[in-house]
Structures are given as structure tokens and as C-alpha cells.
């Protein structure tokens, strides 16, 4: 099996007064948005595959994965409230984009839906790894929580690969486009 972990990139500390608080708010905002998008990707996939005969196994799998993402999202909701951090202003866009991405890949078939999971989770896993490395000394409890979330994301990716994600027709292009979209969404959400 392919090694799914990545080596985290070091992030320099934010300079100036309030720099750490600003960075923490940025981290929480992006992670909240990512989990929101993930929940809606799975909802979109389930809307297509859950209603179709012969897709009971993947429907159950997607429901379980969505449950993990919903648990992560609920935790970020709490953290945003505790730290008085505003969520991204783009939340409605990420909900819609997630659902469309999920439904669109599901319409292409089960393997394409799994390719979507593989692509998204590969970006999110690397993103969490970077944040964990950054937060280990500043916020070790949060770093530990993110490690648990990262483990869930890696499990989803492994399950998607084992279910044929990398056998999807046009999978390499589909994966590249989804990964690029995820990276762009992270950068945009850091700012807005």
C-alpha cells in the first residue's frame, strides 16, 4: 500500500502583538470550512448513490464517513465560539460547492466518488500535518485533536483507495483538478 503521510512544512511564527491569536483564528476558520465542505461532499454523493439500487454498501460507507466529518465540524463550531472567531464568509459557497462536487463525482460512478475522497483527503491530511507541526508547542491540546481528525481523514483515504479510487476512468485528471480546487479553497478561506 502507498504511504499516505507527508512530511510537514515548517511554518514561521507570526510576528507582532496578537500574531498567535490571529494565526489560531485563521487555522480554525479554514478547518471549519474544510469540514463543512466535506460534510456536503458526502451529502452530495449520498444524494446520488444512496437512492440508486445496488449501491447500498457505498451508501453506508459514505454515511459513516459523513458522520466523522460532522463530528469534526461540530468540534470546530465549538472552537469558533470559544475563541470568538468568525467562520469564513464563504460558507454558503463551500456548502454548495461541496454538494455539487459530491453529486458530480457520484454521477460519474462509485470509483469517481472514491477518487474524490482520495483527492480531498490527501490535501486535508497534508494540511492537518502542517498545522499539527505548527501547533505542537503553542497549543498541544489542539494539535492532539487535529491528529485524531487527521487519522480519520487518512482512514477515509485508505478506504477510498481500497475501494477503487485510483481505477476511476480519467481518475488522474479528476484527482488533479480536485486537489487544486482544495488547495485554492484553503488559500481563499485563510483570507476571507
N, C-alpha and C. Protein backbone atom coordinates (compact mmCIF):
# COMPACT_ATOMS: atom_id res chain seq x y z
N UNK A 1 0.85 -1.18 0.00
CA UNK A 1 0.00 0.00 0.00
C UNK A 1 0.89 1.24 0.00
N UNK A 2 0.42 2.28 -0.64
CA UNK A 2 1.14 3.54 -0.73
C UNK A 2 1.17 4.23 0.62
N UNK A 3 2.31 4.85 0.95
CA UNK A 3 2.40 5.65 2.18
C UNK A 3 1.60 6.92 1.96
N UNK A 4 0.61 7.16 2.81
CA UNK A 4 -0.29 8.28 2.64
C UNK A 4 0.09 9.48 3.47
N UNK A 5 1.13 9.38 4.28
CA UNK A 5 1.52 10.51 5.12
C UNK A 5 2.50 11.40 4.38
N UNK A 6 2.59 12.63 4.82
CA UNK A 6 3.51 13.58 4.21
C UNK A 6 4.37 14.19 5.30
N UNK A 7 5.46 14.78 4.88
CA UNK A 7 6.32 15.47 5.82
C UNK A 7 5.84 16.91 5.94
N UNK A 8 5.54 17.36 7.17
CA UNK A 8 5.02 18.72 7.33
C UNK A 8 6.06 19.77 6.97
N UNK A 9 5.57 20.87 6.41
CA UNK A 9 6.42 22.02 6.11
C UNK A 9 6.44 22.92 7.34
N UNK A 10 7.61 23.40 7.75
CA UNK A 10 7.64 24.30 8.91
C UNK A 10 7.00 25.63 8.56
N UNK A 11 6.24 26.16 9.50
CA UNK A 11 5.59 27.46 9.32
C UNK A 11 6.23 28.43 10.29
N UNK A 12 6.74 29.55 9.79
CA UNK A 12 7.37 30.52 10.71
C UNK A 12 6.30 31.14 11.60
N UNK A 13 6.68 31.51 12.84
CA UNK A 13 5.71 32.14 13.73
C UNK A 13 5.29 33.50 13.17
N UNK A 14 4.04 33.88 13.46
CA UNK A 14 3.54 35.18 13.02
C UNK A 14 4.12 36.25 13.92
N UNK A 15 4.67 37.29 13.35
CA UNK A 15 5.27 38.35 14.16
C UNK A 15 4.22 39.32 14.70
N UNK A 16 4.64 40.08 15.69
CA UNK A 16 3.82 41.18 16.20
C UNK A 16 2.84 40.77 17.27
N UNK A 17 2.31 41.78 17.97
CA UNK A 17 1.33 41.50 19.02
C UNK A 17 0.05 40.94 18.41
N UNK A 18 -0.47 39.92 19.04
CA UNK A 18 -1.69 39.30 18.57
C UNK A 18 -1.49 38.35 17.40
N UNK A 19 -0.25 38.16 16.99
CA UNK A 19 0.03 37.30 15.85
C UNK A 19 -0.42 35.86 16.05
N UNK A 20 -0.17 35.33 17.25
CA UNK A 20 -0.57 33.94 17.52
C UNK A 20 -2.08 33.80 17.51
N UNK A 21 -2.79 34.76 18.10
CA UNK A 21 -4.25 34.70 18.13
C UNK A 21 -4.82 34.79 16.71
N UNK A 22 -4.23 35.65 15.89
CA UNK A 22 -4.67 35.78 14.50
C UNK A 22 -4.44 34.48 13.74
N UNK A 23 -3.30 33.87 13.97
CA UNK A 23 -2.99 32.61 13.27
C UNK A 23 -3.93 31.50 13.72
N UNK A 24 -4.21 31.43 15.03
CA UNK A 24 -5.13 30.42 15.52
C UNK A 24 -6.51 30.61 14.90
N UNK A 25 -6.97 31.86 14.82
CA UNK A 25 -8.27 32.14 14.20
C UNK A 25 -8.27 31.69 12.74
N UNK A 26 -7.18 31.94 12.05
CA UNK A 26 -7.07 31.53 10.65
C UNK A 26 -7.14 30.01 10.53
N UNK A 27 -6.43 29.31 11.39
CA UNK A 27 -6.43 27.84 11.38
C UNK A 27 -7.84 27.32 11.62
N UNK A 28 -8.50 27.84 12.65
CA UNK A 28 -9.85 27.35 12.99
C UNK A 28 -10.85 27.66 11.87
N UNK A 29 -10.75 28.83 11.27
CA UNK A 29 -11.66 29.22 10.20
C UNK A 29 -11.51 28.28 9.00
N UNK A 30 -10.27 28.01 8.62
CA UNK A 30 -10.02 27.14 7.46
C UNK A 30 -10.46 25.72 7.76
N UNK A 31 -10.15 25.22 8.94
CA UNK A 31 -10.52 23.84 9.26
C UNK A 31 -12.03 23.68 9.36
N UNK A 32 -12.71 24.67 9.93
CA UNK A 32 -14.17 24.65 9.99
C UNK A 32 -14.74 24.59 8.58
N UNK A 33 -14.24 25.44 7.70
CA UNK A 33 -14.72 25.48 6.31
C UNK A 33 -14.45 24.15 5.60
N UNK A 34 -13.29 23.56 5.86
CA UNK A 34 -12.96 22.29 5.23
C UNK A 34 -13.88 21.18 5.66
N UNK A 35 -14.18 21.13 6.94
CA UNK A 35 -15.09 20.09 7.44
C UNK A 35 -16.51 20.33 6.94
N UNK A 36 -16.90 21.60 6.83
CA UNK A 36 -18.21 21.94 6.28
C UNK A 36 -18.31 21.45 4.84
N UNK A 37 -17.28 21.73 4.06
CA UNK A 37 -17.26 21.26 2.68
C UNK A 37 -17.29 19.75 2.58
N UNK A 38 -16.55 19.07 3.46
CA UNK A 38 -16.50 17.60 3.44
C UNK A 38 -17.87 16.99 3.73
N UNK A 39 -18.55 17.54 4.74
CA UNK A 39 -19.89 17.05 5.06
C UNK A 39 -20.79 17.15 3.82
N UNK A 40 -20.70 18.26 3.11
CA UNK A 40 -21.57 18.46 1.95
C UNK A 40 -21.13 17.64 0.74
N UNK A 41 -19.85 17.33 0.62
CA UNK A 41 -19.41 16.41 -0.44
C UNK A 41 -20.09 15.06 -0.22
N UNK A 42 -20.02 14.55 0.99
CA UNK A 42 -20.63 13.24 1.27
C UNK A 42 -22.14 13.30 1.11
N UNK A 43 -22.77 14.41 1.47
CA UNK A 43 -24.22 14.54 1.27
C UNK A 43 -24.56 14.50 -0.21
N UNK A 44 -23.76 15.17 -1.02
CA UNK A 44 -23.99 15.14 -2.47
C UNK A 44 -23.82 13.74 -3.04
N UNK A 45 -22.80 13.04 -2.60
CA UNK A 45 -22.58 11.68 -3.07
C UNK A 45 -23.71 10.76 -2.63
N UNK A 46 -24.16 10.93 -1.40
CA UNK A 46 -25.26 10.10 -0.90
C UNK A 46 -26.57 10.43 -1.59
N UNK A 47 -26.77 11.69 -1.99
CA UNK A 47 -27.99 12.06 -2.69
C UNK A 47 -28.10 11.30 -4.02
N UNK A 48 -26.99 11.05 -4.65
CA UNK A 48 -26.98 10.32 -5.92
C UNK A 48 -26.93 8.81 -5.69
N UNK A 49 -25.95 8.36 -4.94
CA UNK A 49 -25.74 6.91 -4.80
C UNK A 49 -26.67 6.26 -3.77
N UNK A 50 -27.11 7.03 -2.81
CA UNK A 50 -27.98 6.46 -1.77
C UNK A 50 -29.35 6.09 -2.30
N UNK A 51 -29.77 6.72 -3.36
CA UNK A 51 -31.10 6.45 -3.92
C UNK A 51 -31.06 5.37 -5.00
N UNK A 52 -29.89 4.99 -5.43
CA UNK A 52 -29.76 4.03 -6.53
C UNK A 52 -29.62 2.61 -6.01
N UNK A 53 -30.30 1.69 -6.68
CA UNK A 53 -30.20 0.28 -6.30
C UNK A 53 -28.79 -0.25 -6.56
N UNK A 54 -28.38 -1.16 -5.71
CA UNK A 54 -27.08 -1.78 -5.88
C UNK A 54 -25.92 -0.99 -5.30
N UNK A 55 -26.23 0.13 -4.66
CA UNK A 55 -25.17 0.97 -4.08
C UNK A 55 -25.29 1.05 -2.56
N UNK A 56 -25.89 0.03 -1.97
CA UNK A 56 -26.10 0.07 -0.52
C UNK A 56 -24.79 0.10 0.25
N UNK A 57 -23.80 -0.65 -0.21
CA UNK A 57 -22.52 -0.71 0.52
C UNK A 57 -21.83 0.66 0.52
N UNK A 58 -21.74 1.30 -0.63
CA UNK A 58 -21.08 2.61 -0.67
C UNK A 58 -21.92 3.65 0.06
N UNK A 59 -23.23 3.52 -0.01
CA UNK A 59 -24.09 4.47 0.70
C UNK A 59 -23.83 4.41 2.20
N UNK A 60 -23.70 3.21 2.74
CA UNK A 60 -23.39 3.05 4.17
C UNK A 60 -22.00 3.60 4.48
N UNK A 61 -21.05 3.33 3.61
CA UNK A 61 -19.69 3.83 3.77
C UNK A 61 -19.67 5.36 3.79
N UNK A 62 -20.37 5.98 2.85
CA UNK A 62 -20.42 7.44 2.77
C UNK A 62 -21.12 8.04 3.99
N UNK A 63 -22.16 7.38 4.46
CA UNK A 63 -22.87 7.87 5.65
C UNK A 63 -21.96 7.84 6.87
N UNK A 64 -21.18 6.78 6.99
CA UNK A 64 -20.24 6.67 8.11
C UNK A 64 -19.17 7.76 8.05
N UNK A 65 -18.60 7.96 6.86
CA UNK A 65 -17.57 8.98 6.68
C UNK A 65 -18.15 10.38 6.94
N UNK A 66 -19.36 10.62 6.45
CA UNK A 66 -20.01 11.90 6.71
C UNK A 66 -20.18 12.11 8.21
N UNK A 67 -20.50 11.05 8.94
CA UNK A 67 -20.62 11.15 10.39
C UNK A 67 -19.33 11.60 11.05
N UNK A 68 -18.20 11.09 10.58
CA UNK A 68 -16.90 11.52 11.11
C UNK A 68 -16.69 13.01 10.85
N UNK A 69 -16.98 13.42 9.60
CA UNK A 69 -16.79 14.83 9.24
C UNK A 69 -17.75 15.73 10.03
N UNK A 70 -18.97 15.26 10.26
CA UNK A 70 -19.94 16.05 11.04
C UNK A 70 -19.46 16.22 12.48
N UNK A 71 -18.82 15.18 13.02
CA UNK A 71 -18.26 15.28 14.38
C UNK A 71 -17.13 16.30 14.41
N UNK A 72 -16.27 16.29 13.41
CA UNK A 72 -15.18 17.27 13.32
C UNK A 72 -15.78 18.68 13.20
N UNK A 73 -16.78 18.83 12.34
CA UNK A 73 -17.42 20.14 12.13
C UNK A 73 -18.03 20.65 13.43
N UNK A 74 -18.68 19.79 14.17
CA UNK A 74 -19.29 20.21 15.45
C UNK A 74 -18.21 20.69 16.42
N UNK A 75 -17.08 20.03 16.42
CA UNK A 75 -15.98 20.46 17.30
C UNK A 75 -15.46 21.82 16.87
N UNK A 76 -15.32 22.05 15.57
CA UNK A 76 -14.86 23.36 15.10
C UNK A 76 -15.91 24.44 15.36
N UNK A 77 -17.19 24.09 15.29
CA UNK A 77 -18.23 25.06 15.68
C UNK A 77 -17.99 25.52 17.12
N UNK A 78 -17.73 24.56 18.00
CA UNK A 78 -17.47 24.88 19.41
C UNK A 78 -16.21 25.73 19.56
N UNK A 79 -15.14 25.36 18.87
CA UNK A 79 -13.89 26.11 18.97
C UNK A 79 -14.04 27.53 18.44
N UNK A 80 -14.79 27.69 17.35
CA UNK A 80 -15.01 29.04 16.84
C UNK A 80 -15.74 29.89 17.89
N UNK A 81 -16.74 29.31 18.53
CA UNK A 81 -17.47 30.04 19.56
C UNK A 81 -16.59 30.35 20.77
N UNK A 82 -15.82 29.37 21.21
CA UNK A 82 -14.96 29.56 22.38
C UNK A 82 -13.91 30.64 22.14
N UNK A 83 -13.38 30.71 20.94
CA UNK A 83 -12.31 31.67 20.64
C UNK A 83 -12.85 32.96 20.01
N UNK A 84 -14.16 33.02 19.86
CA UNK A 84 -14.82 34.19 19.26
C UNK A 84 -14.25 34.49 17.87
N UNK A 85 -14.08 33.42 17.11
CA UNK A 85 -13.57 33.51 15.74
C UNK A 85 -14.74 33.41 14.77
N UNK A 86 -14.78 34.31 13.83
CA UNK A 86 -15.85 34.24 12.84
C UNK A 86 -15.55 33.14 11.83
N UNK A 87 -16.60 32.46 11.38
CA UNK A 87 -16.39 31.49 10.30
C UNK A 87 -16.12 32.23 8.99
N UNK A 88 -15.71 31.51 7.99
CA UNK A 88 -15.48 32.13 6.68
C UNK A 88 -16.77 32.74 6.14
N UNK A 89 -16.63 33.84 5.47
CA UNK A 89 -17.77 34.48 4.83
C UNK A 89 -18.23 33.67 3.61
N UNK A 90 -17.41 32.74 3.20
CA UNK A 90 -17.71 31.93 2.03
C UNK A 90 -18.41 30.61 2.36
N UNK A 91 -18.87 30.44 3.59
CA UNK A 91 -19.51 29.18 3.99
C UNK A 91 -20.63 28.77 3.04
N UNK A 92 -21.53 29.68 2.62
CA UNK A 92 -22.58 29.23 1.68
C UNK A 92 -22.00 28.70 0.37
N UNK A 93 -20.93 29.32 -0.11
CA UNK A 93 -20.29 28.85 -1.34
C UNK A 93 -19.68 27.47 -1.13
N UNK A 94 -19.00 27.25 0.00
CA UNK A 94 -18.36 25.95 0.25
C UNK A 94 -19.39 24.84 0.44
N UNK A 95 -20.55 25.18 1.03
CA UNK A 95 -21.63 24.18 1.15
C UNK A 95 -22.08 23.74 -0.25
N UNK A 96 -22.38 24.74 -1.07
CA UNK A 96 -22.87 24.44 -2.42
C UNK A 96 -21.81 23.73 -3.26
N UNK A 97 -20.58 24.22 -3.22
CA UNK A 97 -19.51 23.61 -4.00
C UNK A 97 -19.26 22.17 -3.55
N UNK A 98 -19.29 21.94 -2.25
CA UNK A 98 -19.10 20.59 -1.74
C UNK A 98 -20.19 19.65 -2.24
N UNK A 99 -21.45 20.10 -2.15
CA UNK A 99 -22.55 19.25 -2.60
C UNK A 99 -22.45 18.96 -4.09
N UNK A 100 -22.15 19.99 -4.89
CA UNK A 100 -22.03 19.80 -6.34
C UNK A 100 -20.87 18.87 -6.67
N UNK A 101 -19.75 19.05 -6.00
CA UNK A 101 -18.61 18.16 -6.22
C UNK A 101 -18.98 16.72 -5.87
N UNK A 102 -19.62 16.53 -4.73
CA UNK A 102 -20.03 15.19 -4.33
C UNK A 102 -21.01 14.56 -5.30
N UNK A 103 -22.06 15.29 -5.64
CA UNK A 103 -23.06 14.76 -6.56
C UNK A 103 -22.45 14.51 -7.94
N UNK A 104 -21.62 15.45 -8.39
CA UNK A 104 -21.00 15.30 -9.71
C UNK A 104 -20.11 14.07 -9.81
N UNK A 105 -19.29 13.87 -8.80
CA UNK A 105 -18.41 12.68 -8.86
C UNK A 105 -19.23 11.40 -8.70
N UNK A 106 -20.28 11.43 -7.91
CA UNK A 106 -21.13 10.24 -7.76
C UNK A 106 -21.84 9.91 -9.07
N UNK A 107 -22.24 10.92 -9.82
CA UNK A 107 -22.87 10.68 -11.12
C UNK A 107 -21.91 9.99 -12.09
N UNK A 108 -20.61 10.18 -11.88
CA UNK A 108 -19.60 9.52 -12.72
C UNK A 108 -19.38 8.07 -12.29
N UNK A 109 -19.90 7.68 -11.13
CA UNK A 109 -19.79 6.31 -10.66
C UNK A 109 -19.08 6.20 -9.32
N UNK A 110 -19.16 5.00 -8.76
CA UNK A 110 -18.58 4.76 -7.44
C UNK A 110 -17.08 5.03 -7.40
N UNK A 111 -16.35 4.61 -8.40
CA UNK A 111 -14.90 4.81 -8.39
C UNK A 111 -14.55 6.28 -8.46
N UNK A 112 -15.32 7.05 -9.20
CA UNK A 112 -15.08 8.50 -9.26
C UNK A 112 -15.40 9.14 -7.91
N UNK A 113 -16.44 8.67 -7.24
CA UNK A 113 -16.76 9.18 -5.90
C UNK A 113 -15.61 8.87 -4.95
N UNK A 114 -15.06 7.67 -5.06
CA UNK A 114 -13.91 7.31 -4.22
C UNK A 114 -12.67 8.14 -4.61
N UNK A 115 -12.50 8.42 -5.91
CA UNK A 115 -11.37 9.25 -6.34
C UNK A 115 -11.48 10.65 -5.73
N UNK A 116 -12.70 11.14 -5.62
CA UNK A 116 -12.93 12.44 -4.98
C UNK A 116 -12.46 12.39 -3.52
N UNK A 117 -12.86 11.35 -2.81
CA UNK A 117 -12.44 11.20 -1.42
C UNK A 117 -10.92 11.12 -1.32
N UNK A 118 -10.31 10.33 -2.17
CA UNK A 118 -8.85 10.20 -2.17
C UNK A 118 -8.19 11.56 -2.38
N UNK A 119 -8.66 12.31 -3.37
CA UNK A 119 -8.06 13.61 -3.68
C UNK A 119 -8.23 14.60 -2.54
N UNK A 120 -9.45 14.73 -2.04
CA UNK A 120 -9.72 15.69 -0.96
C UNK A 120 -8.92 15.32 0.28
N UNK A 121 -8.98 14.07 0.66
CA UNK A 121 -8.31 13.66 1.90
C UNK A 121 -6.80 13.78 1.81
N UNK A 122 -6.22 13.61 0.62
CA UNK A 122 -4.77 13.77 0.50
C UNK A 122 -4.36 15.21 0.81
N UNK A 123 -5.15 16.17 0.34
CA UNK A 123 -4.85 17.58 0.60
C UNK A 123 -5.10 17.91 2.08
N UNK A 124 -6.21 17.43 2.62
CA UNK A 124 -6.56 17.73 4.00
C UNK A 124 -5.57 17.10 4.96
N UNK A 125 -5.14 15.89 4.67
CA UNK A 125 -4.16 15.22 5.54
C UNK A 125 -2.88 16.03 5.61
N UNK A 126 -2.39 16.48 4.47
CA UNK A 126 -1.16 17.28 4.45
C UNK A 126 -1.37 18.61 5.17
N UNK A 127 -2.53 19.20 4.98
CA UNK A 127 -2.86 20.47 5.64
C UNK A 127 -2.88 20.29 7.16
N UNK A 128 -3.54 19.24 7.63
CA UNK A 128 -3.55 18.96 9.07
C UNK A 128 -2.13 18.68 9.59
N UNK A 129 -1.34 17.94 8.82
CA UNK A 129 0.03 17.63 9.27
C UNK A 129 0.83 18.91 9.50
N UNK A 130 0.69 19.87 8.57
CA UNK A 130 1.38 21.15 8.73
C UNK A 130 0.91 21.88 9.99
N UNK A 131 -0.39 21.89 10.20
CA UNK A 131 -0.94 22.58 11.37
C UNK A 131 -0.51 21.91 12.68
N UNK A 132 -0.50 20.60 12.69
CA UNK A 132 -0.10 19.87 13.90
C UNK A 132 1.34 20.22 14.25
N UNK A 133 2.22 20.22 13.25
CA UNK A 133 3.62 20.58 13.49
C UNK A 133 3.73 22.00 14.03
N UNK A 134 2.93 22.90 13.50
CA UNK A 134 2.96 24.29 13.93
C UNK A 134 2.43 24.46 15.35
N UNK A 135 1.41 23.70 15.71
CA UNK A 135 0.72 23.90 16.99
C UNK A 135 1.26 23.06 18.15
N UNK A 136 2.15 22.13 17.88
CA UNK A 136 2.61 21.22 18.93
C UNK A 136 3.13 21.93 20.17
N UNK A 137 3.81 23.05 20.00
CA UNK A 137 4.34 23.75 21.18
C UNK A 137 3.40 24.85 21.66
N UNK A 138 2.67 25.50 20.75
CA UNK A 138 1.79 26.61 21.12
C UNK A 138 0.46 26.14 21.70
N UNK A 139 -0.11 25.11 21.12
CA UNK A 139 -1.44 24.62 21.53
C UNK A 139 -1.45 23.10 21.43
N UNK A 140 -0.76 22.42 22.36
CA UNK A 140 -0.63 20.97 22.24
C UNK A 140 -1.95 20.21 22.30
N UNK A 141 -2.93 20.71 23.05
CA UNK A 141 -4.22 20.02 23.12
C UNK A 141 -4.93 20.07 21.76
N UNK A 142 -4.87 21.23 21.12
CA UNK A 142 -5.47 21.36 19.78
C UNK A 142 -4.71 20.50 18.78
N UNK A 143 -3.39 20.49 18.87
CA UNK A 143 -2.59 19.66 17.97
C UNK A 143 -2.98 18.19 18.11
N UNK A 144 -3.23 17.75 19.34
CA UNK A 144 -3.63 16.36 19.58
C UNK A 144 -5.01 16.08 18.96
N UNK A 145 -5.93 17.02 19.09
CA UNK A 145 -7.25 16.86 18.48
C UNK A 145 -7.13 16.77 16.96
N UNK A 146 -6.33 17.66 16.39
CA UNK A 146 -6.14 17.64 14.95
C UNK A 146 -5.49 16.33 14.50
N UNK A 147 -4.63 15.76 15.33
CA UNK A 147 -4.02 14.47 15.00
C UNK A 147 -5.09 13.38 14.88
N UNK A 148 -6.06 13.42 15.78
CA UNK A 148 -7.16 12.45 15.71
C UNK A 148 -7.99 12.66 14.45
N UNK A 149 -8.26 13.92 14.10
CA UNK A 149 -9.01 14.20 12.88
C UNK A 149 -8.22 13.74 11.66
N UNK A 150 -6.92 13.99 11.69
CA UNK A 150 -6.06 13.57 10.58
C UNK A 150 -6.10 12.06 10.41
N UNK A 151 -6.11 11.33 11.52
CA UNK A 151 -6.21 9.87 11.44
C UNK A 151 -7.50 9.44 10.75
N UNK A 152 -8.60 10.13 11.07
CA UNK A 152 -9.87 9.82 10.40
C UNK A 152 -9.76 10.08 8.90
N UNK A 153 -9.14 11.20 8.51
CA UNK A 153 -9.01 11.55 7.10
C UNK A 153 -8.15 10.51 6.37
N UNK A 154 -7.07 10.08 7.01
CA UNK A 154 -6.23 9.04 6.41
C UNK A 154 -6.99 7.73 6.24
N UNK A 155 -7.82 7.39 7.23
CA UNK A 155 -8.63 6.17 7.13
C UNK A 155 -9.62 6.27 5.97
N UNK A 156 -10.22 7.45 5.79
CA UNK A 156 -11.14 7.64 4.66
C UNK A 156 -10.38 7.47 3.34
N UNK A 157 -9.19 8.05 3.27
CA UNK A 157 -8.41 7.95 2.04
C UNK A 157 -8.03 6.50 1.75
N UNK A 158 -7.59 5.79 2.77
CA UNK A 158 -7.22 4.38 2.57
C UNK A 158 -8.42 3.56 2.08
N UNK A 159 -9.57 3.82 2.71
CA UNK A 159 -10.79 3.10 2.34
C UNK A 159 -11.18 3.42 0.89
N UNK A 160 -11.03 4.67 0.49
CA UNK A 160 -11.35 5.06 -0.89
C UNK A 160 -10.41 4.37 -1.87
N UNK A 161 -9.13 4.34 -1.54
CA UNK A 161 -8.15 3.67 -2.42
C UNK A 161 -8.46 2.18 -2.51
N UNK A 162 -8.74 1.56 -1.37
CA UNK A 162 -9.07 0.14 -1.37
C UNK A 162 -10.35 -0.16 -2.14
N UNK A 163 -11.22 0.84 -2.28
CA UNK A 163 -12.49 0.67 -3.00
C UNK A 163 -12.39 1.04 -4.47
N UNK A 164 -11.20 1.31 -4.97
CA UNK A 164 -11.01 1.53 -6.39
C UNK A 164 -10.84 2.97 -6.83
N UNK A 165 -10.53 3.87 -5.91
CA UNK A 165 -10.38 5.29 -6.26
C UNK A 165 -9.40 5.52 -7.40
N UNK A 166 -8.33 4.78 -7.41
CA UNK A 166 -7.29 5.02 -8.40
C UNK A 166 -7.52 4.26 -9.71
N UNK A 167 -8.69 3.60 -9.78
CA UNK A 167 -9.09 2.90 -11.01
C UNK A 167 -10.18 3.66 -11.76
N UNK A 168 -10.56 4.83 -11.25
CA UNK A 168 -11.64 5.60 -11.88
C UNK A 168 -11.22 6.05 -13.27
N UNK A 169 -12.12 5.93 -14.26
CA UNK A 169 -11.81 6.45 -15.60
C UNK A 169 -11.51 7.95 -15.52
N UNK A 170 -10.39 8.35 -16.07
CA UNK A 170 -9.99 9.76 -16.00
C UNK A 170 -9.62 10.19 -14.61
N UNK A 171 -9.31 9.21 -13.77
CA UNK A 171 -9.06 9.48 -12.35
C UNK A 171 -7.89 10.41 -12.09
N UNK A 172 -6.83 10.31 -12.87
CA UNK A 172 -5.66 11.17 -12.64
C UNK A 172 -6.02 12.64 -12.86
N UNK A 173 -6.76 12.92 -13.92
CA UNK A 173 -7.17 14.30 -14.19
C UNK A 173 -8.18 14.77 -13.13
N UNK A 174 -9.15 13.93 -12.83
CA UNK A 174 -10.15 14.27 -11.82
C UNK A 174 -9.48 14.58 -10.48
N UNK A 175 -8.55 13.74 -10.08
CA UNK A 175 -7.85 13.93 -8.81
C UNK A 175 -7.04 15.22 -8.82
N UNK A 176 -6.34 15.49 -9.91
CA UNK A 176 -5.53 16.70 -10.00
C UNK A 176 -6.40 17.96 -9.90
N UNK A 177 -7.54 17.96 -10.57
CA UNK A 177 -8.44 19.11 -10.53
C UNK A 177 -9.00 19.31 -9.12
N UNK A 178 -9.42 18.23 -8.49
CA UNK A 178 -9.99 18.32 -7.13
C UNK A 178 -8.93 18.79 -6.14
N UNK A 179 -7.73 18.25 -6.25
CA UNK A 179 -6.65 18.68 -5.34
C UNK A 179 -6.36 20.17 -5.51
N UNK A 180 -6.28 20.62 -6.74
CA UNK A 180 -6.02 22.05 -7.00
C UNK A 180 -7.14 22.90 -6.43
N UNK A 181 -8.38 22.46 -6.59
CA UNK A 181 -9.51 23.18 -6.04
C UNK A 181 -9.47 23.26 -4.52
N UNK A 182 -9.09 22.16 -3.88
CA UNK A 182 -8.98 22.14 -2.42
C UNK A 182 -7.89 23.10 -1.94
N UNK A 183 -6.75 23.08 -2.60
CA UNK A 183 -5.66 23.98 -2.21
C UNK A 183 -6.06 25.44 -2.38
N UNK A 184 -6.76 25.73 -3.47
CA UNK A 184 -7.23 27.10 -3.69
C UNK A 184 -8.25 27.50 -2.63
N UNK A 185 -9.15 26.59 -2.29
CA UNK A 185 -10.16 26.88 -1.26
C UNK A 185 -9.50 27.18 0.08
N UNK A 186 -8.44 26.47 0.42
CA UNK A 186 -7.72 26.72 1.67
C UNK A 186 -7.14 28.13 1.66
N UNK A 187 -6.47 28.47 0.58
CA UNK A 187 -5.83 29.81 0.49
C UNK A 187 -6.86 30.92 0.55
N UNK A 188 -7.96 30.75 -0.15
CA UNK A 188 -9.01 31.78 -0.15
C UNK A 188 -9.62 31.92 1.25
N UNK A 189 -9.89 30.78 1.88
CA UNK A 189 -10.54 30.80 3.20
C UNK A 189 -9.63 31.36 4.28
N UNK A 190 -8.33 31.25 4.11
CA UNK A 190 -7.42 31.87 5.08
C UNK A 190 -7.63 33.38 5.15
N UNK A 191 -8.08 33.96 4.05
CA UNK A 191 -8.21 35.42 3.96
C UNK A 191 -9.62 35.94 4.18
N UNK A 192 -10.61 35.13 3.75
CA UNK A 192 -12.00 35.64 3.74
C UNK A 192 -12.86 34.91 4.76
